[in-house]
Amino acid sequence: IQKIVAWVDAYRERHPREKLFQTSLPEL
């Protein structure tokens, strides 16, 4: 889980998000 959190943080740095959500988004 720590690896995944670190990967997600790095991904967000490369692909910035305008907003993060506290609930799940509709899935594709």
PDB file of all heavy atoms in Angstrom:
ATOM      1  N   ILE A   1       0.844  -1.197   0.000  1.00  0.00           N
ATOM      2  CA  ILE A   1       0.000   0.000   0.000  1.00  0.00           C
ATOM      3  C   ILE A   1       0.879   1.247   0.000  1.00  0.00           C
ATOM      4  O   ILE A   1       0.594   2.211  -0.715  1.00  0.00           O
ATOM      5  CB  ILE A   1      -0.976  -0.009   1.193  1.00  0.00           C
ATOM      6  CG1 ILE A   1      -2.061  -1.072   0.953  1.00  0.00           C
ATOM      7  CG2 ILE A   1      -1.608   1.367   1.395  1.00  0.00           C
ATOM      8  CD1 ILE A   1      -2.960  -1.323   2.156  1.00  0.00           C
ATOM      9  N   GLN A   2       1.970   1.220   0.761  1.00  0.00           N
ATOM     10  CA  GLN A   2       2.898   2.358   0.767  1.00  0.00           C
ATOM     11  C   GLN A   2       3.512   2.574  -0.621  1.00  0.00           C
ATOM     12  O   GLN A   2       3.678   3.711  -1.058  1.00  0.00           O
ATOM     13  CB  GLN A   2       3.992   2.152   1.813  1.00  0.00           C
ATOM     14  CG  GLN A   2       3.472   2.271   3.224  1.00  0.00           C
ATOM     15  CD  GLN A   2       4.503   1.881   4.279  1.00  0.00           C
ATOM     16  OE1 GLN A   2       5.566   1.348   3.971  1.00  0.00           O
ATOM     17  NE2 GLN A   2       4.177   2.136   5.528  1.00  0.00           N
ATOM     18  N   LYS A   3       3.824   1.484  -1.326  1.00  0.00           N
ATOM     19  CA  LYS A   3       4.340   1.590  -2.702  1.00  0.00           C
ATOM     20  C   LYS A   3       3.298   2.241  -3.610  1.00  0.00           C
ATOM     21  O   LYS A   3       3.624   3.073  -4.455  1.00  0.00           O
ATOM     22  CB  LYS A   3       4.691   0.203  -3.262  1.00  0.00           C
ATOM     23  CG  LYS A   3       5.923  -0.416  -2.698  1.00  0.00           C
ATOM     24  CD  LYS A   3       6.132  -1.784  -3.332  1.00  0.00           C
ATOM     25  CE  LYS A   3       7.193  -2.564  -2.604  1.00  0.00           C
ATOM     26  NZ  LYS A   3       7.325  -3.941  -3.134  1.00  0.00           N
ATOM     27  N   ILE A   4       2.050   1.835  -3.447  1.00  0.00           N
ATOM     28  CA  ILE A   4       0.972   2.381  -4.282  1.00  0.00           C
ATOM     29  C   ILE A   4       0.773   3.861  -3.988  1.00  0.00           C
ATOM     30  O   ILE A   4       0.636   4.668  -4.907  1.00  0.00           O
ATOM     31  CB  ILE A   4      -0.327   1.570  -4.087  1.00  0.00           C
ATOM     32  CG1 ILE A   4      -0.140   0.145  -4.627  1.00  0.00           C
ATOM     33  CG2 ILE A   4      -1.510   2.271  -4.756  1.00  0.00           C
ATOM     34  CD1 ILE A   4      -1.233  -0.839  -4.225  1.00  0.00           C
ATOM     35  N   VAL A   5       0.776   4.238  -2.711  1.00  0.00           N
ATOM     36  CA  VAL A   5       0.619   5.646  -2.339  1.00  0.00           C
ATOM     37  C   VAL A   5       1.746   6.473  -2.955  1.00  0.00           C
ATOM     38  O   VAL A   5       1.515   7.541  -3.531  1.00  0.00           O
ATOM     39  CB  VAL A   5       0.579   5.823  -0.804  1.00  0.00           C
ATOM     40  CG1 VAL A   5       0.690   7.289  -0.414  1.00  0.00           C
ATOM     41  CG2 VAL A   5      -0.696   5.214  -0.228  1.00  0.00           C
ATOM     42  N   ALA A   6       2.991   5.977  -2.864  1.00  0.00           N
ATOM     43  CA  ALA A   6       4.137   6.692  -3.440  1.00  0.00           C
ATOM     44  C   ALA A   6       3.995   6.801  -4.956  1.00  0.00           C
ATOM     45  O   ALA A   6       4.276   7.857  -5.546  1.00  0.00           O
ATOM     46  CB  ALA A   6       5.435   5.982  -3.074  1.00  0.00           C
ATOM     47  N   TRP A   7       3.537   5.745  -5.603  1.00  0.00           N
ATOM     48  CA  TRP A   7       3.358   5.761  -7.062  1.00  0.00           C
ATOM     49  C   TRP A   7       2.291   6.781  -7.438  1.00  0.00           C
ATOM     50  O   TRP A   7       2.472   7.561  -8.377  1.00  0.00           O
ATOM     51  CB  TRP A   7       2.969   4.370  -7.560  1.00  0.00           C
ATOM     52  CG  TRP A   7       2.918   4.277  -9.045  1.00  0.00           C
ATOM     53  CD1 TRP A   7       3.917   3.871  -9.873  1.00  0.00           C
ATOM     54  CD2 TRP A   7       1.816   4.625  -9.901  1.00  0.00           C
ATOM     55  NE1 TRP A   7       3.501   3.935 -11.183  1.00  0.00           N
ATOM     56  CE2 TRP A   7       2.217   4.402 -11.225  1.00  0.00           C
ATOM     57  CE3 TRP A   7       0.536   5.103  -9.665  1.00  0.00           C
ATOM     58  CZ2 TRP A   7       1.378   4.637 -12.311  1.00  0.00           C
ATOM     59  CZ3 TRP A   7      -0.302   5.342 -10.740  1.00  0.00           C
ATOM     60  CH2 TRP A   7       0.126   5.106 -12.043  1.00  0.00           C
ATOM     61  N   VAL A   8       1.172   6.788  -6.707  1.00  0.00           N
ATOM     62  CA  VAL A   8       0.086   7.727  -6.993  1.00  0.00           C
ATOM     63  C   VAL A   8       0.574   9.165  -6.806  1.00  0.00           C
ATOM     64  O   VAL A   8       0.281  10.042  -7.630  1.00  0.00           O
ATOM     65  CB  VAL A   8      -1.159   7.423  -6.123  1.00  0.00           C
ATOM     66  CG1 VAL A   8      -2.163   8.563  -6.165  1.00  0.00           C
ATOM     67  CG2 VAL A   8      -1.815   6.122  -6.585  1.00  0.00           C
ATOM     68  N   ASP A   9       1.325   9.420  -5.737  1.00  0.00           N
ATOM     69  CA  ASP A   9       1.864  10.770  -5.517  1.00  0.00           C
ATOM     70  C   ASP A   9       2.762  11.204  -6.670  1.00  0.00           C
ATOM     71  O   ASP A   9       2.665  12.336  -7.153  1.00  0.00           O
ATOM     72  CB  ASP A   9       2.640  10.836  -4.197  1.00  0.00           C
ATOM     73  CG  ASP A   9       1.739  10.786  -2.977  1.00  0.00           C
ATOM     74  OD1 ASP A   9       0.517  11.029  -3.115  1.00  0.00           O
ATOM     75  OD2 ASP A   9       2.251  10.489  -1.874  1.00  0.00           O
ATOM     76  N   ALA A  10       3.636  10.310  -7.135  1.00  0.00           N
ATOM     77  CA  ALA A  10       4.528  10.627  -8.257  1.00  0.00           C
ATOM     78  C   ALA A  10       3.733  10.843  -9.543  1.00  0.00           C
ATOM     79  O   ALA A  10       4.033  11.748 -10.329  1.00  0.00           O
ATOM     80  CB  ALA A  10       5.552   9.508  -8.442  1.00  0.00           C
ATOM     81  N   TYR A  11       2.708  10.031  -9.767  1.00  0.00           N
ATOM     82  CA  TYR A  11       1.862  10.175 -10.951  1.00  0.00           C
ATOM     83  C   TYR A  11       1.169  11.530 -10.939  1.00  0.00           C
ATOM     84  O   TYR A  11       1.091  12.214 -11.963  1.00  0.00           O
ATOM     85  CB  TYR A  11       0.834   9.045 -10.991  1.00  0.00           C
ATOM     86  CG  TYR A  11      -0.004   9.019 -12.248  1.00  0.00           C
ATOM     87  CD1 TYR A  11       0.403   8.271 -13.347  1.00  0.00           C
ATOM     88  CD2 TYR A  11      -1.201   9.726 -12.331  1.00  0.00           C
ATOM     89  CE1 TYR A  11      -0.373   8.230 -14.503  1.00  0.00           C
ATOM     90  CE2 TYR A  11      -1.979   9.690 -13.480  1.00  0.00           C
ATOM     91  CZ  TYR A  11      -1.557   8.942 -14.564  1.00  0.00           C
ATOM     92  OH  TYR A  11      -2.314   8.910 -15.714  1.00  0.00           O
ATOM     93  N   ARG A  12       0.683  11.926  -9.765  1.00  0.00           N
ATOM     94  CA  ARG A  12       0.010  13.226  -9.644  1.00  0.00           C
ATOM     95  C   ARG A  12       0.975  14.386  -9.906  1.00  0.00           C
ATOM     96  O   ARG A  12       0.560  15.423 -10.417  1.00  0.00           O
ATOM     97  CB  ARG A  12      -0.600  13.381  -8.256  1.00  0.00           C
ATOM     98  CG  ARG A  12      -1.824  12.542  -8.031  1.00  0.00           C
ATOM     99  CD  ARG A  12      -2.309  12.718  -6.619  1.00  0.00           C
ATOM    100  NE  ARG A  12      -3.450  11.877  -6.322  1.00  0.00           N
ATOM    101  CZ  ARG A  12      -3.801  11.528  -5.105  1.00  0.00           C
ATOM    102  NH1 ARG A  12      -3.114  11.956  -4.060  1.00  0.00           N
ATOM    103  NH2 ARG A  12      -4.856  10.753  -4.916  1.00  0.00           N
ATOM    104  N   GLU A  13       2.226  14.225  -9.551  1.00  0.00           N
ATOM    105  CA  GLU A  13       3.216  15.273  -9.845  1.00  0.00           C
ATOM    106  C   GLU A  13       3.431  15.407 -11.346  1.00  0.00           C
ATOM    107  O   GLU A  13       3.563  16.516 -11.858  1.00  0.00           O
ATOM    108  CB  GLU A  13       4.540  14.969  -9.153  1.00  0.00           C
ATOM    109  CG  GLU A  13       4.510  15.246  -7.664  1.00  0.00           C
ATOM    110  CD  GLU A  13       5.844  14.994  -6.999  1.00  0.00           C
ATOM    111  OE1 GLU A  13       6.892  15.062  -7.689  1.00  0.00           O
ATOM    112  OE2 GLU A  13       5.850  14.729  -5.786  1.00  0.00           O
ATOM    113  N   ARG A  14       3.445  14.267 -12.046  1.00  0.00           N
ATOM    114  CA  ARG A  14       3.631  14.287 -13.499  1.00  0.00           C
ATOM    115  C   ARG A  14       2.367  14.718 -14.239  1.00  0.00           C
ATOM    116  O   ARG A  14       2.443  15.275 -15.328  1.00  0.00           O
ATOM    117  CB  ARG A  14       4.063  12.896 -13.995  1.00  0.00           C
ATOM    118  CG  ARG A  14       5.433  12.472 -13.558  1.00  0.00           C
ATOM    119  CD  ARG A  14       5.894  11.186 -14.249  1.00  0.00           C
ATOM    120  NE  ARG A  14       4.924  10.103 -14.265  1.00  0.00           N
ATOM    121  CZ  ARG A  14       4.800   9.168 -13.320  1.00  0.00           C
ATOM    122  NH1 ARG A  14       5.560   9.203 -12.249  1.00  0.00           N
ATOM    123  NH2 ARG A  14       3.897   8.207 -13.449  1.00  0.00           N
ATOM    124  N   HIS A  15       1.227  14.418 -13.653  1.00  0.00           N
ATOM    125  CA  HIS A  15      -0.077  14.715 -14.267  1.00  0.00           C
ATOM    126  C   HIS A  15      -0.941  15.410 -13.212  1.00  0.00           C
ATOM    127  O   HIS A  15      -1.824  14.785 -12.614  1.00  0.00           O
ATOM    128  CB  HIS A  15      -0.766  13.424 -14.728  1.00  0.00           C
ATOM    129  CG  HIS A  15       0.081  12.560 -15.597  1.00  0.00           C
ATOM    130  ND1 HIS A  15       0.266  12.806 -16.932  1.00  0.00           N
ATOM    131  CD2 HIS A  15       0.815  11.454 -15.319  1.00  0.00           C
ATOM    132  CE1 HIS A  15       1.060  11.884 -17.436  1.00  0.00           C
ATOM    133  NE2 HIS A  15       1.411  11.057 -16.482  1.00  0.00           N
ATOM    134  N   PRO A  16      -0.717  16.713 -12.987  1.00  0.00           N
ATOM    135  CA  PRO A  16      -1.424  17.424 -11.916  1.00  0.00           C
ATOM    136  C   PRO A  16      -2.948  17.366 -12.060  1.00  0.00           C
ATOM    137  O   PRO A  16      -3.491  17.362 -13.157  1.00  0.00           O
ATOM    138  CB  PRO A  16      -0.929  18.864 -12.052  1.00  0.00           C
ATOM    139  CG  PRO A  16       0.358  18.764 -12.795  1.00  0.00           C
ATOM    140  CD  PRO A  16       0.221  17.587 -13.702  1.00  0.00           C
ATOM    141  N   ARG A  17      -3.605  17.331 -10.924  1.00  0.00           N
ATOM    142  CA  ARG A  17      -5.057  17.313 -10.853  1.00  0.00           C
ATOM    143  C   ARG A  17      -5.537  18.661 -10.330  1.00  0.00           C
ATOM    144  O   ARG A  17      -4.927  19.237  -9.440  1.00  0.00           O
ATOM    145  CB  ARG A  17      -5.543  16.223  -9.886  1.00  0.00           C
ATOM    146  CG  ARG A  17      -5.132  14.809 -10.286  1.00  0.00           C
ATOM    147  CD  ARG A  17      -5.841  14.463 -11.561  1.00  0.00           C
ATOM    148  NE  ARG A  17      -5.702  13.085 -11.965  1.00  0.00           N
ATOM    149  CZ  ARG A  17      -4.990  12.701 -13.015  1.00  0.00           C
ATOM    150  NH1 ARG A  17      -4.280  13.563 -13.687  1.00  0.00           N
ATOM    151  NH2 ARG A  17      -4.979  11.452 -13.395  1.00  0.00           N
ATOM    152  N   GLU A  18      -6.636  19.139 -10.867  1.00  0.00           N
ATOM    153  CA  GLU A  18      -7.231  20.378 -10.374  1.00  0.00           C
ATOM    154  C   GLU A  18      -7.838  20.169  -9.001  1.00  0.00           C
ATOM    155  O   GLU A  18      -7.785  21.027  -8.139  1.00  0.00           O
ATOM    156  CB  GLU A  18      -8.333  20.846 -11.330  1.00  0.00           C
ATOM    157  CG  GLU A  18      -8.016  22.160 -11.981  1.00  0.00           C
ATOM    158  CD  GLU A  18      -9.132  22.587 -12.908  1.00  0.00           C
ATOM    159  OE1 GLU A  18     -10.240  22.888 -12.420  1.00  0.00           O
ATOM    160  OE2 GLU A  18      -8.871  22.621 -14.118  1.00  0.00           O
ATOM    161  N   LYS A  19      -8.424  19.015  -8.814  1.00  0.00           N
ATOM    162  CA  LYS A  19      -9.132  18.740  -7.571  1.00  0.00           C
ATOM    163  C   LYS A  19      -9.046  17.247  -7.262  1.00  0.00           C
ATOM    164  O   LYS A  19      -9.122  16.422  -8.158  1.00  0.00           O
ATOM    165  CB  LYS A  19     -10.595  19.157  -7.734  1.00  0.00           C
ATOM    166  CG  LYS A  19     -11.463  18.880  -6.539  1.00  0.00           C
ATOM    167  CD  LYS A  19     -12.894  19.328  -6.797  1.00  0.00           C
ATOM    168  CE  LYS A  19     -13.742  19.030  -5.578  1.00  0.00           C
ATOM    169  NZ  LYS A  19     -15.125  19.428  -5.755  1.00  0.00           N
ATOM    170  N   LEU A  20      -8.892  16.928  -5.968  1.00  0.00           N
ATOM    171  CA  LEU A  20      -8.986  15.547  -5.522  1.00  0.00           C
ATOM    172  C   LEU A  20     -10.319  15.372  -4.807  1.00  0.00           C
ATOM    173  O   LEU A  20     -10.818  16.289  -4.161  1.00  0.00           O
ATOM    174  CB  LEU A  20      -7.839  15.202  -4.577  1.00  0.00           C
ATOM    175  CG  LEU A  20      -6.451  15.202  -5.197  1.00  0.00           C
ATOM    176  CD1 LEU A  20      -5.401  14.896  -4.134  1.00  0.00           C
ATOM    177  CD2 LEU A  20      -6.358  14.203  -6.336  1.00  0.00           C
ATOM    178  N   PHE A  21     -10.881  14.205  -4.904  1.00  0.00           N
ATOM    179  CA  PHE A  21     -12.200  13.929  -4.359  1.00  0.00           C
ATOM    180  C   PHE A  21     -12.098  13.055  -3.117  1.00  0.00           C
ATOM    181  O   PHE A  21     -11.107  12.363  -2.918  1.00  0.00           O
ATOM    182  CB  PHE A  21     -13.069  13.242  -5.420  1.00  0.00           C
ATOM    183  CG  PHE A  21     -13.253  14.085  -6.640  1.00  0.00           C
ATOM    184  CD1 PHE A  21     -12.364  14.014  -7.707  1.00  0.00           C
ATOM    185  CD2 PHE A  21     -14.310  14.976  -6.726  1.00  0.00           C
ATOM    186  CE1 PHE A  21     -12.523  14.805  -8.830  1.00  0.00           C
ATOM    187  CE2 PHE A  21     -14.478  15.777  -7.842  1.00  0.00           C
ATOM    188  CZ  PHE A  21     -13.580  15.687  -8.904  1.00  0.00           C
ATOM    189  N   GLN A  22     -13.133  13.079  -2.295  1.00  0.00           N
ATOM    190  CA  GLN A  22     -13.194  12.206  -1.130  1.00  0.00           C
ATOM    191  C   GLN A  22     -14.142  11.032  -1.350  1.00  0.00           C
ATOM    192  O   GLN A  22     -14.249  10.162  -0.508  1.00  0.00           O
ATOM    193  CB  GLN A  22     -13.609  12.996   0.114  1.00  0.00           C
ATOM    194  CG  GLN A  22     -12.526  13.939   0.560  1.00  0.00           C
ATOM    195  CD  GLN A  22     -12.805  14.529   1.931  1.00  0.00           C
ATOM    196  OE1 GLN A  22     -13.904  14.447   2.457  1.00  0.00           O
ATOM    197  NE2 GLN A  22     -11.789  15.121   2.507  1.00  0.00           N
ATOM    198  N   THR A  23     -14.804  11.019  -2.470  1.00  0.00           N
ATOM    199  CA  THR A  23     -15.678   9.903  -2.816  1.00  0.00           C
ATOM    200  C   THR A  23     -15.221   9.333  -4.151  1.00  0.00           C
ATOM    201  O   THR A  23     -14.512   9.979  -4.916  1.00  0.00           O
ATOM    202  CB  THR A  23     -17.146  10.353  -2.940  1.00  0.00           C
ATOM    203  OG1 THR A  23     -17.229  11.368  -3.944  1.00  0.00           O
ATOM    204  CG2 THR A  23     -17.673  10.893  -1.630  1.00  0.00           C
ATOM    205  N   SER A  24     -15.634   8.121  -4.431  1.00  0.00           N
ATOM    206  CA  SER A  24     -15.283   7.477  -5.690  1.00  0.00           C
ATOM    207  C   SER A  24     -15.947   8.190  -6.854  1.00  0.00           C
ATOM    208  O   SER A  24     -17.057   8.707  -6.722  1.00  0.00           O
ATOM    209  CB  SER A  24     -15.720   6.016  -5.663  1.00  0.00           C
ATOM    210  OG  SER A  24     -15.088   5.338  -4.609  1.00  0.00           O
ATOM    211  N   LEU A  25     -15.277   8.196  -7.984  1.00  0.00           N
ATOM    212  CA  LEU A  25     -15.840   8.771  -9.207  1.00  0.00           C
ATOM    213  C   LEU A  25     -16.637   7.710  -9.941  1.00  0.00           C
ATOM    214  O   LEU A  25     -16.420   6.510  -9.747  1.00  0.00           O
ATOM    215  CB  LEU A  25     -14.715   9.274 -10.108  1.00  0.00           C
ATOM    216  CG  LEU A  25     -13.846  10.392  -9.542  1.00  0.00           C
ATOM    217  CD1 LEU A  25     -12.702  10.684 -10.502  1.00  0.00           C
ATOM    218  CD2 LEU A  25     -14.659  11.635  -9.302  1.00  0.00           C
ATOM    219  N   PRO A  26     -17.546   8.106 -10.827  1.00  0.00           N
ATOM    220  CA  PRO A  26     -18.228   7.107 -11.663  1.00  0.00           C
ATOM    221  C   PRO A  26     -17.176   6.325 -12.455  1.00  0.00           C
ATOM    222  O   PRO A  26     -16.219   6.908 -12.970  1.00  0.00           O
ATOM    223  CB  PRO A  26     -19.101   7.949 -12.590  1.00  0.00           C
ATOM    224  CG  PRO A  26     -19.243   9.270 -11.906  1.00  0.00           C
ATOM    225  CD  PRO A  26     -17.990   9.464 -11.112  1.00  0.00           C
ATOM    226  N   GLU A  27     -17.350   5.029 -12.508  1.00  0.00           N
ATOM    227  CA  GLU A  27     -16.351   4.194 -13.175  1.00  0.00           C
ATOM    228  C   GLU A  27     -16.653   4.034 -14.654  1.00  0.00           C
ATOM    229  O   GLU A  27     -17.801   4.000 -15.065  1.00  0.00           O
ATOM    230  CB  GLU A  27     -16.276   2.825 -12.510  1.00  0.00           C
ATOM    231  CG  GLU A  27     -15.684   2.900 -11.129  1.00  0.00           C
ATOM    232  CD  GLU A  27     -15.285   1.545 -10.598  1.00  0.00           C
ATOM    233  OE1 GLU A  27     -15.492   0.524 -11.283  1.00  0.00           O
ATOM    234  OE2 GLU A  27     -14.741   1.511  -9.485  1.00  0.00           O
ATOM    235  N   LEU A  28     -15.586   3.917 -15.406  1.00  0.00           N
ATOM    236  CA  LEU A  28     -15.684   3.573 -16.812  1.00  0.00           C
ATOM    237  C   LEU A  28     -15.862   2.065 -16.901  1.00  0.00           C
ATOM    238  O   LEU A  28     -15.692   1.350 -15.925  1.00  0.00           O
ATOM    239  CB  LEU A  28     -14.423   4.030 -17.537  1.00  0.00           C
ATOM    240  CG  LEU A  28     -14.088   5.522 -17.375  1.00  0.00           C
ATOM    241  CD1 LEU A  28     -12.732   5.832 -17.973  1.00  0.00           C
ATOM    242  CD2 LEU A  28     -15.169   6.381 -17.988  1.00  0.00           C
TER     243      LEU A  28
END
